[in-house]
Amino acid sequence: MATSSVSVADSALAKSPAQSDSRVPIRDFSMVIALVVIWGFFAIASPNFISARNLSNLTVELSITAILSLGMLLVILGGYIDLSIGSGVGLLGAISAVLLSQHNWPAPLAMLVAIIVAVIIWFGMGALIVTQRIPAFIITLAGLLVFKGLHWKVIQNSTIPVTHGGEDNLYSLLTTWYLPPIWGIVLGAAVFALLATGTWRARQRRESFGLSVDTREVAFARLLVTGQLIALFVLVCNGYQGIPLSALILAAAAFMVWVLTQHTRFGRYLYAIGGNEEAAHVSGIPVTKVVIGTFVIMGLITALGGFMQTAYAGSSTTTTGELLELDAIAACVIGGTSLKGGRGNVVGVLFGSLIMASLLNGMTLMAISPEIKYIARGLVLALAVWMDVRLNKGK
């Protein structure tokens, strides 16, 4: 009986991701305009913004923000929120940095310990939220405070480097290693070939089922634009030192989250829970397991973001990870993820993350004071939530 209920739920909810994005084209249009305006403004105000070196740095900064935003996407899709990831980034980065720098542990082992800690903590938070019916806002807000205090205790309010004896290791290379230019070109060509093949096969499948497809001209134009963007990215990165390792990590994370949300039962369940948790329970969906699993994935992603953020800064300090949870939430909402749950996608989150990373990078280049940065981030978050409310009216 339970199996048949789940099967019915699968078939009934198979369209959830598609239905949830009915207004994405409007938002996509506004995001592209916003990105063009932001880049145009900073290019004029600070010509170094479009230099190969800065765009490479922007890619690293984007990778950190986007990876955390992808984890936040999963949590928000289920109708929850996680306010603890910024402090978690600081704590998990600090644990691995201390083990590496002060206790001479190998970098992989130090990072593995931090990952285990992350899984245990986020499993516990997810279990409390879903089994004890405690609002995620409260539990993760408590986590924000606890993790911040533990972070400061772990580093003893000092600065802990991510190297030992000044030597590079796996930890420090996360944001300092670059793919050789020739391999960047090969990788770009391979990615485009895979995208073209996947698009062609998907088109054939839709035609075989009698479903509507884009005209050949439209499909070709999309592939052409995609190819140009890939080529531009590779050329810009090769203009400095090559494609950063952090960009490859982001690409892998984005692909895995995309597969998880669009091509697995877990993803369909997540959309269903965010759309109507009570109906999901009635349909036989294992809500408890899915929600706890989502928070465990969030913990893994927070650990990865912690390693990358700490490596990018070169050390763990008391400010590591500060406000990253708000940047991740803003990136998700800007990208079309509904704070009510049940709607959102990877591409939108990547766009939203690019907007947030561009704003912060540009303001840093212009030497804008920290207080103005805080104001700008707050206004962007408020605007993103307002957009979410406006686009949800009538639903």
Foldseek 3Di string as FASTA:
>chain_A
DLVVLLVVLCVVLLCLAVVQCPPQVVLVVVLVVLVVVLQVVLCVLPVCCLALVNVLVLLLLLLLLLLLLLLQLLLLQLLAAAPALLLLLLQLLLQLLCCCAVVVDANVVSLVVSLVVLLVVLLVLLLCCPVVVDHNVVSNVVNNVVSLVNSCVSVVQDKGFNHYPPDDHPLLLQFVDADALVVLVVVLVVVLVVVVVVVVVVVVVCVVVVHDDDDPVVVVVVSVVVSVVSVVVSVSNNSPGHRRNSSVVSVVSLVVSQCCLNPDSLNSLSLVSLVPVVVSVVSSHPSSVSSSVSSSVSSNSSSVSSSSQQSVVRIRHSCGSPPSSLLSLLLFLSLPRASSHNYGGSVSSSSSSSSSSSVVSSCVSSVPDPVVVVVVSVVSSVVSNVVNVVVPPPD
